[in-house]
Amino acid sequence: MSVFVHLVTELGRLLEPALAESATAAAIVLFTVLVRLALHPLSRAAFRGATPAAGCLPVLLQLPVFFVMYRAFSTSGELLGHRLFAAPLGARWADALGEGGVVGAQGLVFLGLFAAIGAVAAWSAVRGRRAAALAGPSTAALPGGPVTAEQQEMLRKLGGVLPLLSFGTLITAAVVPLAAGLYLLTTTAWSVAERAWLQYRKERAGVAAAAASTADGGARSRM
């Protein structure tokens, strides 16, 4: 845990001239981005895999990081004195309600966090449902062989349900320290944006391949 505290502290010091007392909060966001960048090869491999469940691997690998952050902002230490605007990074939603209510200075910070998480979750759900609705018969193969009709239907349903799990982040963010909530917001937003980008690249590659095949067929027909 001391390594995490040291890294976040140093990142906060670098950002402090521009962000003042919110520098440590920004350092947590930056730290999360660095973690997700390190996991990007695994996420890319999971996206190209045969089952949506393969995407759980990057999430599982983040659990130790989340646990360390939770511990760092739940016990006494040098990071507890830092804030995001009016709210201490070690505060929870219940603490904010006791310090001025829902629209108090701290309450507004949490409301902003919840609104951002809700927006990301809604985006994820919309994309997941759209992808599930557009999913048709596939010739892709699982590691054990071709995908059957039953497996294709299972994958379609699973692909529609998994994005809804993002809304569970709202419940978690309401009971963990604000710092952990920032981590959840950043990693969830990264996951949705990363998958959208990978899907976009996949579609572009498919269009390019189709265009090249058409051009090659036209050239052959003229010979």
Protein backbone atom coordinates (compact mmCIF):
# COMPACT_ATOMS: atom_id res chain seq x y z
CA MET A 1 0.00 0.00 0.00
CA SER A 2 2.92 2.34 0.68
CA VAL A 3 3.90 2.15 -3.00
CA PHE A 4 0.42 3.31 -4.03
CA VAL A 5 0.42 6.13 -1.46
CA HIS A 6 3.85 7.28 -2.61
CA LEU A 7 2.90 7.23 -6.28
CA VAL A 8 -0.38 9.12 -5.78
CA THR A 9 1.37 11.63 -3.52
CA GLU A 10 4.06 12.33 -6.09
CA LEU A 11 1.53 12.64 -8.90
CA GLY A 12 -0.48 15.03 -6.72
CA ARG A 13 2.58 17.19 -6.12
CA LEU A 14 3.18 17.45 -9.86
CA LEU A 15 -0.43 18.51 -10.45
CA GLU A 16 -0.74 20.79 -7.43
CA PRO A 17 0.41 24.02 -9.15
CA ALA A 18 -2.50 23.77 -11.58
CA LEU A 19 -5.19 22.08 -9.46
CA ALA A 20 -4.44 23.22 -5.91
CA GLU A 21 -6.23 21.11 -3.26
CA SER A 22 -7.93 18.92 -5.89
CA ALA A 23 -4.54 17.74 -7.20
CA THR A 24 -4.68 14.41 -5.34
CA ALA A 25 -8.12 13.68 -6.80
CA ALA A 26 -6.69 14.32 -10.27
CA ALA A 27 -3.73 12.09 -9.37
CA ILE A 28 -6.15 9.24 -8.62
CA VAL A 29 -7.74 9.70 -12.05
CA LEU A 30 -4.31 9.75 -13.69
CA PHE A 31 -3.21 6.67 -11.73
CA THR A 32 -6.35 4.83 -12.88
CA VAL A 33 -5.64 5.74 -16.49
CA LEU A 34 -2.10 4.39 -16.14
CA VAL A 35 -3.45 1.11 -14.74
CA ARG A 36 -5.92 0.78 -17.61
CA LEU A 37 -3.22 1.55 -20.16
CA ALA A 38 -1.15 -1.28 -18.70
CA LEU A 39 -4.16 -3.60 -18.99
CA HIS A 40 -5.11 -2.49 -22.50
CA PRO A 41 -3.38 -5.43 -24.26
CA LEU A 42 -5.47 -7.83 -22.16
CA SER A 43 -8.64 -5.86 -22.89
CA ARG A 44 -7.88 -5.91 -26.60
CA ALA A 45 -7.27 -9.66 -26.51
CA ALA A 46 -10.51 -10.18 -24.58
CA PHE A 47 -12.42 -8.11 -27.15
CA ARG A 48 -11.11 -10.35 -29.91
CA GLY A 49 -11.93 -13.47 -27.90
CA ALA A 50 -14.84 -15.83 -28.40
CA THR A 51 -16.92 -14.98 -25.33
CA PRO A 52 -17.97 -11.74 -23.61
CA ALA A 53 -17.00 -13.34 -20.28
CA ALA A 54 -13.35 -13.06 -21.34
CA GLY A 55 -13.67 -9.34 -20.70
CA CYS A 56 -13.92 -10.06 -16.96
CA LEU A 57 -10.17 -10.72 -16.76
CA PRO A 58 -9.11 -7.04 -16.81
CA VAL A 59 -11.76 -6.33 -14.16
CA LEU A 60 -10.47 -9.09 -11.89
CA LEU A 61 -6.91 -7.80 -12.22
CA GLN A 62 -8.07 -4.37 -11.05
CA LEU A 63 -9.56 -5.67 -7.81
CA PRO A 64 -6.24 -5.56 -5.88
CA VAL A 65 -5.74 -1.96 -7.00
CA PHE A 66 -9.24 -1.02 -5.86
CA PHE A 67 -8.70 -2.77 -2.52
CA VAL A 68 -5.44 -0.90 -1.90
CA MET A 69 -7.10 2.43 -2.74
CA TYR A 70 -10.02 1.63 -0.47
CA ARG A 71 -7.68 0.83 2.39
CA ALA A 72 -5.56 3.93 1.79
CA PHE A 73 -8.59 6.21 2.16
CA SER A 74 -10.29 4.25 4.93
CA THR A 75 -7.47 4.28 7.47
CA SER A 76 -5.48 7.13 8.95
CA GLY A 77 -2.78 8.42 6.66
CA GLU A 78 -1.41 11.39 4.79
CA LEU A 79 -3.93 11.11 1.95
CA LEU A 80 -7.02 11.60 4.12
CA GLY A 81 -6.46 15.35 4.36
CA HIS A 82 -6.85 15.90 0.63
CA ARG A 83 -10.08 16.97 -1.03
CA LEU A 84 -12.05 17.14 -4.22
CA PHE A 85 -13.43 20.66 -4.02
CA ALA A 86 -15.31 20.71 -0.67
CA ALA A 87 -15.39 16.96 -0.02
CA PRO A 88 -12.56 15.03 1.67
CA LEU A 89 -11.35 12.11 -0.42
CA GLY A 90 -11.87 9.80 2.55
CA ALA A 91 -15.51 10.89 3.03
CA ARG A 92 -18.49 8.71 2.17
CA TRP A 93 -21.97 9.67 0.97
CA ALA A 94 -23.33 9.26 4.52
CA ASP A 95 -20.69 11.70 5.78
CA ALA A 96 -21.69 14.24 3.15
CA LEU A 97 -25.35 13.96 4.16
CA GLY A 98 -24.37 14.68 7.75
CA GLU A 99 -22.35 17.76 6.71
CA GLY A 100 -25.07 19.77 5.01
CA GLY A 101 -27.41 17.32 3.35
CA VAL A 102 -27.89 16.42 -0.29
CA VAL A 103 -27.31 19.97 -1.57
CA GLY A 104 -24.58 20.85 0.89
CA ALA A 105 -21.04 21.57 -0.29
CA GLN A 106 -19.94 17.96 0.09
CA GLY A 107 -23.29 16.58 -1.07
CA LEU A 108 -23.00 18.40 -4.39
CA VAL A 109 -19.61 16.80 -5.03
CA PHE A 110 -21.11 13.35 -4.54
CA LEU A 111 -24.12 14.23 -6.68
CA GLY A 112 -21.74 15.22 -9.47
CA LEU A 113 -19.93 11.89 -9.07
CA PHE A 114 -23.19 9.93 -9.16
CA ALA A 115 -24.41 11.84 -12.21
CA ALA A 116 -21.17 11.09 -14.09
CA ILE A 117 -21.30 7.39 -13.17
CA GLY A 118 -24.97 7.23 -14.19
CA ALA A 119 -24.20 8.83 -17.56
CA VAL A 120 -21.41 6.34 -18.24
CA ALA A 121 -23.64 3.42 -17.18
CA ALA A 122 -26.45 4.63 -19.45
CA TRP A 123 -24.04 4.94 -22.39
CA SER A 124 -22.78 1.42 -21.72
CA ALA A 125 -26.32 0.02 -21.52
CA VAL A 126 -27.41 1.71 -24.76
CA ARG A 127 -24.39 0.41 -26.63
CA GLY A 128 -24.82 -3.08 -25.19
CA ARG A 129 -28.48 -3.30 -26.12
CA ARG A 130 -27.81 -1.98 -29.59
CA ALA A 131 -25.05 -4.53 -30.14
CA ALA A 132 -27.27 -7.32 -28.81
CA ALA A 133 -30.14 -6.26 -31.09
CA LEU A 134 -27.91 -6.18 -34.13
CA ALA A 135 -26.22 -9.50 -33.34
CA GLY A 136 -27.13 -12.01 -36.00
CA PRO A 137 -25.96 -15.47 -36.97
CA SER A 138 -22.23 -15.74 -36.57
CA THR A 139 -19.65 -17.96 -38.11
CA ALA A 140 -17.20 -17.25 -35.29
CA ALA A 141 -15.79 -20.21 -33.43
CA LEU A 142 -15.29 -20.91 -29.79
CA PRO A 143 -12.00 -22.54 -28.72
CA GLY A 144 -13.77 -25.93 -28.79
CA GLY A 145 -15.31 -25.54 -32.23
CA PRO A 146 -17.90 -23.55 -34.20
CA VAL A 147 -20.56 -21.54 -32.37
CA THR A 148 -23.90 -23.33 -32.24
CA ALA A 149 -27.27 -21.56 -32.43
CA GLU A 150 -27.78 -22.02 -28.69
CA GLN A 151 -24.35 -20.61 -27.89
CA GLN A 152 -24.95 -17.66 -30.20
CA GLU A 153 -28.22 -16.89 -28.41
CA MET A 154 -26.50 -17.15 -25.03
CA LEU A 155 -23.74 -14.78 -26.13
CA ARG A 156 -26.33 -12.34 -27.48
CA LYS A 157 -28.21 -12.28 -24.18
CA LEU A 158 -25.03 -12.04 -22.13
CA GLY A 159 -23.81 -9.16 -24.27
CA GLY A 160 -27.05 -7.32 -23.52
CA VAL A 161 -26.97 -7.95 -19.76
CA LEU A 162 -23.31 -7.24 -18.96
CA PRO A 163 -23.51 -3.45 -19.65
CA LEU A 164 -26.33 -3.17 -17.09
CA LEU A 165 -23.87 -4.18 -14.39
CA SER A 166 -22.35 -0.71 -14.75
CA PHE A 167 -25.31 0.68 -12.80
CA GLY A 168 -24.14 -1.36 -9.81
CA THR A 169 -21.20 1.03 -9.67
CA LEU A 170 -23.61 3.71 -8.40
CA ILE A 171 -24.42 1.63 -5.33
CA THR A 172 -20.76 0.90 -4.67
CA ALA A 173 -19.79 4.57 -5.06
CA ALA A 174 -22.35 5.52 -2.42
CA VAL A 175 -20.74 3.38 0.29
CA VAL A 176 -17.00 3.62 -0.43
CA PRO A 177 -14.72 6.64 0.12
CA LEU A 178 -14.90 9.40 -2.49
CA ALA A 179 -11.42 8.47 -3.76
CA ALA A 180 -12.59 4.93 -4.53
CA GLY A 181 -15.66 6.39 -6.24
CA LEU A 182 -13.38 8.43 -8.49
CA TYR A 183 -11.48 5.28 -9.36
CA LEU A 184 -14.74 3.49 -10.22
CA LEU A 185 -15.91 6.37 -12.41
CA THR A 186 -12.62 6.57 -14.29
CA THR A 187 -12.20 2.84 -14.89
CA THR A 188 -15.86 2.40 -15.93
CA ALA A 189 -15.66 5.30 -18.37
CA TRP A 190 -12.40 3.88 -19.74
CA SER A 191 -13.98 0.45 -20.23
CA VAL A 192 -16.93 1.83 -22.20
CA ALA A 193 -14.80 4.15 -24.32
CA GLU A 194 -12.19 1.45 -24.93
CA ARG A 195 -14.80 -1.03 -26.13
CA ALA A 196 -16.41 1.59 -28.38
CA TRP A 197 -13.01 2.35 -29.92
CA LEU A 198 -12.17 -1.32 -30.42
CA GLN A 199 -15.57 -1.91 -32.02
CA TYR A 200 -15.03 1.08 -34.30
CA ARG A 201 -11.65 -0.27 -35.40
CA LYS A 202 -13.16 -3.69 -36.00
CA GLU A 203 -15.91 -2.22 -38.18
CA ARG A 204 -13.43 -0.07 -40.11
CA ALA A 205 -11.25 -3.12 -40.73
CA GLY A 206 -14.29 -5.03 -41.96
CA VAL A 207 -15.26 -2.24 -44.35
CA ALA A 208 -11.69 -2.01 -45.65
CA ALA A 209 -11.53 -5.78 -46.16
CA ALA A 210 -14.86 -5.76 -48.00
CA ALA A 211 -13.72 -2.90 -50.23
CA ALA A 212 -10.45 -4.67 -51.00
CA SER A 213 -12.32 -7.89 -51.83
CA THR A 214 -14.70 -6.00 -54.12
CA ALA A 215 -11.83 -4.26 -55.87
CA ASP A 216 -9.98 -7.55 -56.31
CA GLY A 217 -13.09 -9.22 -57.71
CA GLY A 218 -13.59 -6.38 -60.16
CA ALA A 219 -9.99 -6.63 -61.32
CA ARG A 220 -10.32 -10.37 -61.85
CA SER A 221 -13.53 -9.97 -63.86
CA ARG A 222 -11.81 -7.57 -66.25
CA MET A 223 -8.98 -10.00 -66.94
